[in-house]
Amino acid sequence: MDLDSVAPDDQIEVKNRMTVSPKIEEVEVLKETESETKKIRETVDSSEEVRDKIYGIVGHTKSPLSSLLINPHIFDFEERDSDEKIILVARPHWITNLSWILTTIVLIIAPSLLRFVPIINNLPTKFEILGIFAWYLITFAFSFEKFLSWYFDVYIITDERVIDIAFNNLLDKKFSEAKLSMIQDITSRVSGVSQTMFNFGTVYIQTAAEVSEIQFELVPNPEKIIKVLQILRENEEKRGGNK
């Protein structure tokens, strides 16, 4: 290892040896990169194929007030992972709002009908105005709470799991979830004249997770939701098999 005894030719051989190994490492890195790129392309192609199938079954919806949102860009939830994609969002069918809408209409009309009651007419004007104001305030609070409960009481299907978010009121929120790989059985029930006419019902999702059953209650087109879940579950099994 004495540098004074090393010939110039030996230095060239050392350089040649050093230049060979990086090339081998570069080839291995390129192979790994190509393999990863191929996997990414296959995943993207698979997700696009799944998306097209879902579009073919359910169609497209753009309105934020729709009972069935497909691949929505205007909807999000706090518990979503950064790389998790929302496939479908379902709410109870709009016809389920009919009862509280009719109740609100009756409450709005009621003060004008109370004027025909003699006792109400004998009240001072100030009390009458305050009473009407309080009545409409209660009516607004009632209808607004019912609307928010319907709007935020959602059932979500992502590329990883199914989620049930229930708002019983503004201060009570329930969150339930199950991985797609944990789904064991999916059934639906449509009962009654109104559910049959407007095609809505309840989807029952049996799982092997901590939550044994997740229910999508009174959602539109339950048979289409079942097909979407079946497609996603099959895709999840393929991904698991490839891994």
C-alpha atoms as a PDB file:
ATOM      1  CA  MET A   1       0.000   0.000   0.000  1.00  0.00           C
ATOM      2  CA  ASP A   2       3.021   2.271  -0.310  1.00  0.00           C
ATOM      3  CA  LEU A   3       1.951   4.997  -2.751  1.00  0.00           C
ATOM      4  CA  ASP A   4       5.547   5.595  -3.875  1.00  0.00           C
ATOM      5  CA  SER A   5       5.816   2.021  -5.225  1.00  0.00           C
ATOM      6  CA  VAL A   6       2.549   2.083  -7.195  1.00  0.00           C
ATOM      7  CA  ALA A   7       2.947   2.346 -10.980  1.00  0.00           C
ATOM      8  CA  PRO A   8       0.777   4.733 -13.021  1.00  0.00           C
ATOM      9  CA  ASP A   9      -0.897   1.789 -14.783  1.00  0.00           C
ATOM     10  CA  ASP A  10      -2.144   0.442 -11.436  1.00  0.00           C
ATOM     11  CA  GLN A  11      -3.963   3.676 -10.777  1.00  0.00           C
ATOM     12  CA  ILE A  12      -5.870   3.321 -14.043  1.00  0.00           C
ATOM     13  CA  GLU A  13      -6.990  -0.205 -13.119  1.00  0.00           C
ATOM     14  CA  VAL A  14      -8.286   1.040  -9.783  1.00  0.00           C
ATOM     15  CA  LYS A  15     -10.317   3.740 -11.505  1.00  0.00           C
ATOM     16  CA  ASN A  16     -11.785   1.202 -13.918  1.00  0.00           C
ATOM     17  CA  ARG A  17     -12.884  -1.021 -11.071  1.00  0.00           C
ATOM     18  CA  MET A  18     -14.544   1.913  -9.345  1.00  0.00           C
ATOM     19  CA  THR A  19     -16.447   2.943 -12.458  1.00  0.00           C
ATOM     20  CA  VAL A  20     -17.939  -0.510 -13.040  1.00  0.00           C
ATOM     21  CA  SER A  21     -19.840  -0.951  -9.748  1.00  0.00           C
ATOM     22  CA  PRO A  22     -21.869   2.301  -9.968  1.00  0.00           C
ATOM     23  CA  LYS A  23     -23.143   1.219 -13.392  1.00  0.00           C
ATOM     24  CA  ILE A  24     -24.398  -2.062 -11.962  1.00  0.00           C
ATOM     25  CA  GLU A  25     -26.110  -0.199  -9.136  1.00  0.00           C
ATOM     26  CA  GLU A  26     -27.666   2.234 -11.624  1.00  0.00           C
ATOM     27  CA  VAL A  27     -29.074  -0.664 -13.653  1.00  0.00           C
ATOM     28  CA  GLU A  28     -30.592  -2.208 -10.528  1.00  0.00           C
ATOM     29  CA  VAL A  29     -32.086   1.137  -9.518  1.00  0.00           C
ATOM     30  CA  LEU A  30     -33.532   1.592 -13.008  1.00  0.00           C
ATOM     31  CA  LYS A  31     -35.080  -1.889 -12.879  1.00  0.00           C
ATOM     32  CA  GLU A  32     -36.666  -1.141  -9.486  1.00  0.00           C
ATOM     33  CA  THR A  33     -37.940   2.225 -10.758  1.00  0.00           C
ATOM     34  CA  GLU A  34     -39.446   0.620 -13.866  1.00  0.00           C
ATOM     35  CA  SER A  35     -41.085  -2.044 -11.703  1.00  0.00           C
ATOM     36  CA  GLU A  36     -42.564   0.584  -9.371  1.00  0.00           C
ATOM     37  CA  THR A  37     -43.721   2.679 -12.336  1.00  0.00           C
ATOM     38  CA  LYS A  38     -45.404  -0.372 -13.859  1.00  0.00           C
ATOM     39  CA  LYS A  39     -47.206  -1.088 -10.581  1.00  0.00           C
ATOM     40  CA  ILE A  40     -48.359   2.530 -10.349  1.00  0.00           C
ATOM     41  CA  ARG A  41     -49.664   2.436 -13.930  1.00  0.00           C
ATOM     42  CA  GLU A  42     -51.510  -0.818 -13.249  1.00  0.00           C
ATOM     43  CA  THR A  43     -53.043   0.696 -10.106  1.00  0.00           C
ATOM     44  CA  VAL A  44     -54.093   3.845 -11.976  1.00  0.00           C
ATOM     45  CA  ASP A  45     -55.554   1.803 -14.843  1.00  0.00           C
ATOM     46  CA  SER A  46     -57.408  -0.388 -12.353  1.00  0.00           C
ATOM     47  CA  SER A  47     -58.834   2.605 -10.471  1.00  0.00           C
ATOM     48  CA  GLU A  48     -59.937   4.244 -13.736  1.00  0.00           C
ATOM     49  CA  GLU A  49     -61.594   1.007 -14.829  1.00  0.00           C
ATOM     50  CA  VAL A  50     -63.406   0.735 -11.498  1.00  0.00           C
ATOM     51  CA  ARG A  51     -64.495   4.368 -11.735  1.00  0.00           C
ATOM     52  CA  ASP A  52     -65.861   3.849 -15.248  1.00  0.00           C
ATOM     53  CA  LYS A  53     -67.802   0.793 -14.091  1.00  0.00           C
ATOM     54  CA  ILE A  54     -69.319   2.757 -11.214  1.00  0.00           C
ATOM     55  CA  TYR A  55     -70.221   5.641 -13.528  1.00  0.00           C
ATOM     56  CA  GLY A  56     -71.883   3.146 -15.840  1.00  0.00           C
ATOM     57  CA  ILE A  57     -74.004   1.784 -12.983  1.00  0.00           C
ATOM     58  CA  VAL A  58     -74.908   4.910 -11.034  1.00  0.00           C
ATOM     59  CA  GLY A  59     -74.170   7.776 -13.445  1.00  0.00           C
ATOM     60  CA  HIS A  60     -72.918  11.279 -12.572  1.00  0.00           C
ATOM     61  CA  THR A  61     -74.354  13.683 -10.014  1.00  0.00           C
ATOM     62  CA  LYS A  62     -73.211  17.287  -9.565  1.00  0.00           C
ATOM     63  CA  SER A  63     -75.734  18.791  -7.163  1.00  0.00           C
ATOM     64  CA  PRO A  64     -74.462  19.019  -3.536  1.00  0.00           C
ATOM     65  CA  LEU A  65     -78.052  18.423  -2.375  1.00  0.00           C
ATOM     66  CA  SER A  66     -78.371  15.138  -4.238  1.00  0.00           C
ATOM     67  CA  SER A  67     -79.133  11.987  -2.265  1.00  0.00           C
ATOM     68  CA  LEU A  68     -76.431  10.153  -4.224  1.00  0.00           C
ATOM     69  CA  LEU A  69     -73.074  11.775  -4.979  1.00  0.00           C
ATOM     70  CA  ILE A  70     -70.583   9.963  -7.220  1.00  0.00           C
ATOM     71  CA  ASN A  71     -66.873  10.780  -6.853  1.00  0.00           C
ATOM     72  CA  PRO A  72     -67.728  14.165  -5.300  1.00  0.00           C
ATOM     73  CA  HIS A  73     -65.170  16.994  -5.247  1.00  0.00           C
ATOM     74  CA  ILE A  74     -67.304  19.212  -3.024  1.00  0.00           C
ATOM     75  CA  PHE A  75     -67.605  16.758  -0.162  1.00  0.00           C
ATOM     76  CA  ASP A  76     -65.096  15.821   2.527  1.00  0.00           C
ATOM     77  CA  PHE A  77     -65.007  14.526   6.098  1.00  0.00           C
ATOM     78  CA  GLU A  78     -62.575  14.971   8.979  1.00  0.00           C
ATOM     79  CA  GLU A  79     -61.609  11.296   9.346  1.00  0.00           C
ATOM     80  CA  ARG A  80     -60.522  10.861   5.711  1.00  0.00           C
ATOM     81  CA  ASP A  81     -56.913   9.782   5.119  1.00  0.00           C
ATOM     82  CA  SER A  82     -54.765  11.961   2.877  1.00  0.00           C
ATOM     83  CA  ASP A  83     -54.582   9.366   0.068  1.00  0.00           C
ATOM     84  CA  GLU A  84     -58.130   8.049   0.505  1.00  0.00           C
ATOM     85  CA  LYS A  85     -60.544   8.686  -2.370  1.00  0.00           C
ATOM     86  CA  ILE A  86     -64.273   9.121  -1.890  1.00  0.00           C
ATOM     87  CA  ILE A  87     -66.185   6.960  -4.371  1.00  0.00           C
ATOM     88  CA  LEU A  88     -69.805   7.476  -3.346  1.00  0.00           C
ATOM     89  CA  VAL A  89     -71.772   9.482  -0.780  1.00  0.00           C
ATOM     90  CA  ALA A  90     -75.384   8.576  -0.022  1.00  0.00           C
ATOM     91  CA  ARG A  91     -78.039  10.301   2.051  1.00  0.00           C
ATOM     92  CA  PRO A  92     -81.591   9.241   2.894  1.00  0.00           C
ATOM     93  CA  HIS A  93     -83.896   9.684  -0.103  1.00  0.00           C
ATOM     94  CA  TRP A  94     -85.312  13.207  -0.471  1.00  0.00           C
ATOM     95  CA  ILE A  95     -88.848  11.872  -0.002  1.00  0.00           C
ATOM     96  CA  THR A  96     -87.976  11.172   3.653  1.00  0.00           C
ATOM     97  CA  ASN A  97     -87.897  14.961   4.187  1.00  0.00           C
ATOM     98  CA  LEU A  98     -91.534  15.325   3.184  1.00  0.00           C
ATOM     99  CA  SER A  99     -92.921  14.874   6.717  1.00  0.00           C
ATOM    100  CA  TRP A 100     -90.911  17.672   8.344  1.00  0.00           C
ATOM    101  CA  ILE A 101     -91.369  19.946   5.299  1.00  0.00           C
ATOM    102  CA  LEU A 102     -95.160  19.625   5.584  1.00  0.00           C
ATOM    103  CA  THR A 103     -94.920  20.210   9.350  1.00  0.00           C
ATOM    104  CA  THR A 104     -92.906  23.378   8.722  1.00  0.00           C
ATOM    105  CA  ILE A 105     -95.515  24.653   6.247  1.00  0.00           C
ATOM    106  CA  VAL A 106     -98.269  24.074   8.815  1.00  0.00           C
ATOM    107  CA  LEU A 107     -96.246  25.889  11.482  1.00  0.00           C
ATOM    108  CA  ILE A 108     -95.731  28.863   9.149  1.00  0.00           C
ATOM    109  CA  ILE A 109     -99.444  29.118   8.357  1.00  0.00           C
ATOM    110  CA  ALA A 110    -100.582  28.548  11.970  1.00  0.00           C
ATOM    111  CA  PRO A 111    -100.178  32.162  13.279  1.00  0.00           C
ATOM    112  CA  SER A 112    -102.516  33.500  10.598  1.00  0.00           C
ATOM    113  CA  LEU A 113    -105.128  30.927  11.634  1.00  0.00           C
ATOM    114  CA  LEU A 114    -104.781  31.803  15.319  1.00  0.00           C
ATOM    115  CA  ARG A 115    -106.138  35.289  14.604  1.00  0.00           C
ATOM    116  CA  PHE A 116    -109.588  33.759  14.424  1.00  0.00           C
ATOM    117  CA  VAL A 117    -109.292  32.631  18.062  1.00  0.00           C
ATOM    118  CA  PRO A 118    -110.967  35.290  20.314  1.00  0.00           C
ATOM    119  CA  ILE A 119    -108.485  34.903  23.187  1.00  0.00           C
ATOM    120  CA  ILE A 120    -105.534  35.669  20.893  1.00  0.00           C
ATOM    121  CA  ASN A 121    -107.255  38.815  19.559  1.00  0.00           C
ATOM    122  CA  ASN A 122    -107.693  40.161  23.097  1.00  0.00           C
ATOM    123  CA  LEU A 123    -103.940  40.104  23.793  1.00  0.00           C
ATOM    124  CA  PRO A 124    -101.993  43.393  23.643  1.00  0.00           C
ATOM    125  CA  THR A 125    -100.269  44.094  20.330  1.00  0.00           C
ATOM    126  CA  LYS A 126     -96.778  43.874  21.873  1.00  0.00           C
ATOM    127  CA  PHE A 127     -97.433  40.378  23.243  1.00  0.00           C
ATOM    128  CA  GLU A 128     -98.945  39.329  19.947  1.00  0.00           C
ATOM    129  CA  ILE A 129     -95.859  40.491  18.000  1.00  0.00           C
ATOM    130  CA  LEU A 130     -93.479  38.824  20.475  1.00  0.00           C
ATOM    131  CA  GLY A 131     -95.490  35.613  20.345  1.00  0.00           C
ATOM    132  CA  ILE A 132     -95.452  35.526  16.541  1.00  0.00           C
ATOM    133  CA  PHE A 133     -91.711  36.262  16.484  1.00  0.00           C
ATOM    134  CA  ALA A 134     -90.988  33.462  18.970  1.00  0.00           C
ATOM    135  CA  TRP A 135     -93.224  31.092  16.992  1.00  0.00           C
ATOM    136  CA  TYR A 136     -91.386  31.695  13.718  1.00  0.00           C
ATOM    137  CA  LEU A 137     -88.030  31.458  15.489  1.00  0.00           C
ATOM    138  CA  ILE A 138     -88.954  28.022  16.840  1.00  0.00           C
ATOM    139  CA  THR A 139     -90.239  27.018  13.407  1.00  0.00           C
ATOM    140  CA  PHE A 140     -86.966  28.052  11.767  1.00  0.00           C
ATOM    141  CA  ALA A 141     -84.900  26.201  14.386  1.00  0.00           C
ATOM    142  CA  PHE A 142     -87.000  23.075  13.902  1.00  0.00           C
ATOM    143  CA  SER A 143     -86.728  23.051  10.098  1.00  0.00           C
ATOM    144  CA  PHE A 144     -83.041  24.015  10.072  1.00  0.00           C
ATOM    145  CA  GLU A 145     -82.139  21.234  12.507  1.00  0.00           C
ATOM    146  CA  LYS A 146     -84.054  18.694  10.407  1.00  0.00           C
ATOM    147  CA  PHE A 147     -82.305  19.842   7.235  1.00  0.00           C
ATOM    148  CA  LEU A 148     -78.833  19.683   8.809  1.00  0.00           C
ATOM    149  CA  SER A 149     -79.594  16.243  10.202  1.00  0.00           C
ATOM    150  CA  TRP A 150     -80.526  15.015   6.707  1.00  0.00           C
ATOM    151  CA  TYR A 151     -77.619  16.771   4.987  1.00  0.00           C
ATOM    152  CA  PHE A 152     -74.884  15.543   7.360  1.00  0.00           C
ATOM    153  CA  ASP A 153     -76.340  12.108   8.094  1.00  0.00           C
ATOM    154  CA  VAL A 154     -74.352  10.419   5.313  1.00  0.00           C
ATOM    155  CA  TYR A 155     -73.099   7.027   4.225  1.00  0.00           C
ATOM    156  CA  ILE A 156     -69.708   7.044   2.511  1.00  0.00           C
ATOM    157  CA  ILE A 157     -67.940   4.509   0.330  1.00  0.00           C
ATOM    158  CA  THR A 158     -64.247   5.128  -0.305  1.00  0.00           C
ATOM    159  CA  ASP A 159     -61.590   3.060  -2.052  1.00  0.00           C
ATOM    160  CA  GLU A 160     -60.635   1.644   1.367  1.00  0.00           C
ATOM    161  CA  ARG A 161     -63.734   1.414   3.601  1.00  0.00           C
ATOM    162  CA  VAL A 162     -67.437   1.993   4.173  1.00  0.00           C
ATOM    163  CA  ILE A 163     -68.444   4.695   6.663  1.00  0.00           C
ATOM    164  CA  ASP A 164     -71.633   5.651   8.480  1.00  0.00           C
ATOM    165  CA  ILE A 165     -71.767   9.180   9.932  1.00  0.00           C
ATOM    166  CA  ALA A 166     -74.927   9.822  11.911  1.00  0.00           C
ATOM    167  CA  PHE A 167     -75.926  13.243  13.300  1.00  0.00           C
ATOM    168  CA  ASN A 168     -78.774  12.785  15.757  1.00  0.00           C
ATOM    169  CA  ASN A 169     -78.497  16.507  16.525  1.00  0.00           C
ATOM    170  CA  LEU A 170     -75.879  19.241  16.347  1.00  0.00           C
ATOM    171  CA  LEU A 171     -74.183  17.968  19.531  1.00  0.00           C
ATOM    172  CA  ASP A 172     -74.332  14.227  18.859  1.00  0.00           C
ATOM    173  CA  LYS A 173     -72.225  12.586  16.133  1.00  0.00           C
ATOM    174  CA  LYS A 174     -71.682   8.852  15.602  1.00  0.00           C
ATOM    175  CA  PHE A 175     -68.916   7.490  13.352  1.00  0.00           C
ATOM    176  CA  SER A 176     -68.776   3.837  12.239  1.00  0.00           C
ATOM    177  CA  GLU A 177     -66.462   2.242   9.674  1.00  0.00           C
ATOM    178  CA  ALA A 178     -65.351  -1.072   8.204  1.00  0.00           C
ATOM    179  CA  LYS A 179     -62.630  -1.928   5.700  1.00  0.00           C
ATOM    180  CA  LEU A 180     -63.725  -3.201   2.295  1.00  0.00           C
ATOM    181  CA  SER A 181     -61.730  -6.370   2.907  1.00  0.00           C
ATOM    182  CA  MET A 182     -63.819  -6.994   6.051  1.00  0.00           C
ATOM    183  CA  ILE A 183     -67.171  -7.065   4.221  1.00  0.00           C
ATOM    184  CA  GLN A 184     -68.727 -10.524   4.367  1.00  0.00           C
ATOM    185  CA  ASP A 185     -72.257 -10.082   3.077  1.00  0.00           C
ATOM    186  CA  ILE A 186     -74.432  -7.332   1.570  1.00  0.00           C
ATOM    187  CA  THR A 187     -78.236  -7.362   1.473  1.00  0.00           C
ATOM    188  CA  SER A 188     -80.970  -4.784   0.971  1.00  0.00           C
ATOM    189  CA  ARG A 189     -84.612  -4.349   1.929  1.00  0.00           C
ATOM    190  CA  VAL A 190     -87.269  -2.304   0.152  1.00  0.00           C
ATOM    191  CA  SER A 191     -90.650  -2.408   1.917  1.00  0.00           C
ATOM    192  CA  GLY A 192     -93.832  -0.402   1.679  1.00  0.00           C
ATOM    193  CA  VAL A 193     -95.579   1.477  -1.086  1.00  0.00           C
ATOM    194  CA  SER A 194     -93.473   4.652  -0.927  1.00  0.00           C
ATOM    195  CA  GLN A 195     -90.143   2.778  -0.931  1.00  0.00           C
ATOM    196  CA  THR A 196     -91.247   0.662  -3.875  1.00  0.00           C
ATOM    197  CA  MET A 197     -92.574   3.651  -5.860  1.00  0.00           C
ATOM    198  CA  PHE A 198     -89.529   5.867  -5.304  1.00  0.00           C
ATOM    199  CA  ASN A 199     -86.998   3.002  -5.255  1.00  0.00           C
ATOM    200  CA  PHE A 200     -85.271   3.504  -1.929  1.00  0.00           C
ATOM    201  CA  GLY A 201     -84.549   1.229   0.994  1.00  0.00           C
ATOM    202  CA  THR A 202     -81.951   0.042   3.496  1.00  0.00           C
ATOM    203  CA  VAL A 203     -78.655  -1.682   2.653  1.00  0.00           C
ATOM    204  CA  TYR A 204     -77.283  -4.058   5.309  1.00  0.00           C
ATOM    205  CA  ILE A 205     -73.511  -4.612   5.259  1.00  0.00           C
ATOM    206  CA  GLN A 206     -72.282  -7.529   7.382  1.00  0.00           C
ATOM    207  CA  THR A 207     -68.619  -7.196   8.350  1.00  0.00           C
ATOM    208  CA  ALA A 208     -65.917  -9.027  10.277  1.00  0.00           C
ATOM    209  CA  ALA A 209     -64.817  -5.764  11.879  1.00  0.00           C
ATOM    210  CA  GLU A 210     -65.545  -4.473  15.374  1.00  0.00           C
ATOM    211  CA  VAL A 211     -68.814  -3.042  14.030  1.00  0.00           C
ATOM    212  CA  SER A 212     -70.578  -6.214  12.899  1.00  0.00           C
ATOM    213  CA  GLU A 213     -73.163  -4.440  10.731  1.00  0.00           C
ATOM    214  CA  ILE A 214     -73.370  -1.083   8.986  1.00  0.00           C
ATOM    215  CA  GLN A 215     -76.737   0.079   7.680  1.00  0.00           C
ATOM    216  CA  PHE A 216     -77.310   2.550   4.868  1.00  0.00           C
ATOM    217  CA  GLU A 217     -80.844   3.533   5.848  1.00  0.00           C
ATOM    218  CA  LEU A 218     -83.462   4.691   3.326  1.00  0.00           C
ATOM    219  CA  VAL A 219     -80.931   5.383   0.570  1.00  0.00           C
ATOM    220  CA  PRO A 220     -81.933   5.668  -3.119  1.00  0.00           C
ATOM    221  CA  ASN A 221     -81.207   2.843  -5.561  1.00  0.00           C
ATOM    222  CA  PRO A 222     -80.057   0.250  -2.993  1.00  0.00           C
ATOM    223  CA  GLU A 223     -79.415  -2.345  -5.707  1.00  0.00           C
ATOM    224  CA  LYS A 224     -76.924   0.002  -7.409  1.00  0.00           C
ATOM    225  CA  ILE A 225     -75.131   0.650  -4.126  1.00  0.00           C
ATOM    226  CA  ILE A 226     -74.768  -3.119  -3.671  1.00  0.00           C
ATOM    227  CA  LYS A 227     -73.232  -3.423  -7.160  1.00  0.00           C
ATOM    228  CA  VAL A 228     -70.762  -0.625  -6.385  1.00  0.00           C
ATOM    229  CA  LEU A 229     -69.724  -2.371  -3.159  1.00  0.00           C
ATOM    230  CA  GLN A 230     -69.296  -5.671  -4.997  1.00  0.00           C
ATOM    231  CA  ILE A 231     -67.054  -4.044  -7.621  1.00  0.00           C
ATOM    232  CA  LEU A 232     -64.912  -2.360  -4.972  1.00  0.00           C
ATOM    233  CA  ARG A 233     -64.656  -5.531  -2.926  1.00  0.00           C
ATOM    234  CA  GLU A 234     -63.550  -7.547  -5.979  1.00  0.00           C
ATOM    235  CA  ASN A 235     -60.987  -4.874  -6.817  1.00  0.00           C
ATOM    236  CA  GLU A 236     -59.727  -4.943  -3.227  1.00  0.00           C
ATOM    237  CA  GLU A 237     -59.317  -8.745  -3.412  1.00  0.00           C
ATOM    238  CA  LYS A 238     -57.342  -8.408  -6.663  1.00  0.00           C
ATOM    239  CA  ARG A 239     -55.066  -5.804  -5.111  1.00  0.00           C
ATOM    240  CA  GLY A 240     -54.536  -8.036  -2.096  1.00  0.00           C
ATOM    241  CA  GLY A 241     -53.736 -10.983  -4.372  1.00  0.00           C
ATOM    242  CA  ASN A 242     -51.203  -8.945  -6.351  1.00  0.00           C
ATOM    243  CA  LYS A 243     -49.447  -7.934  -3.171  1.00  0.00           C
END
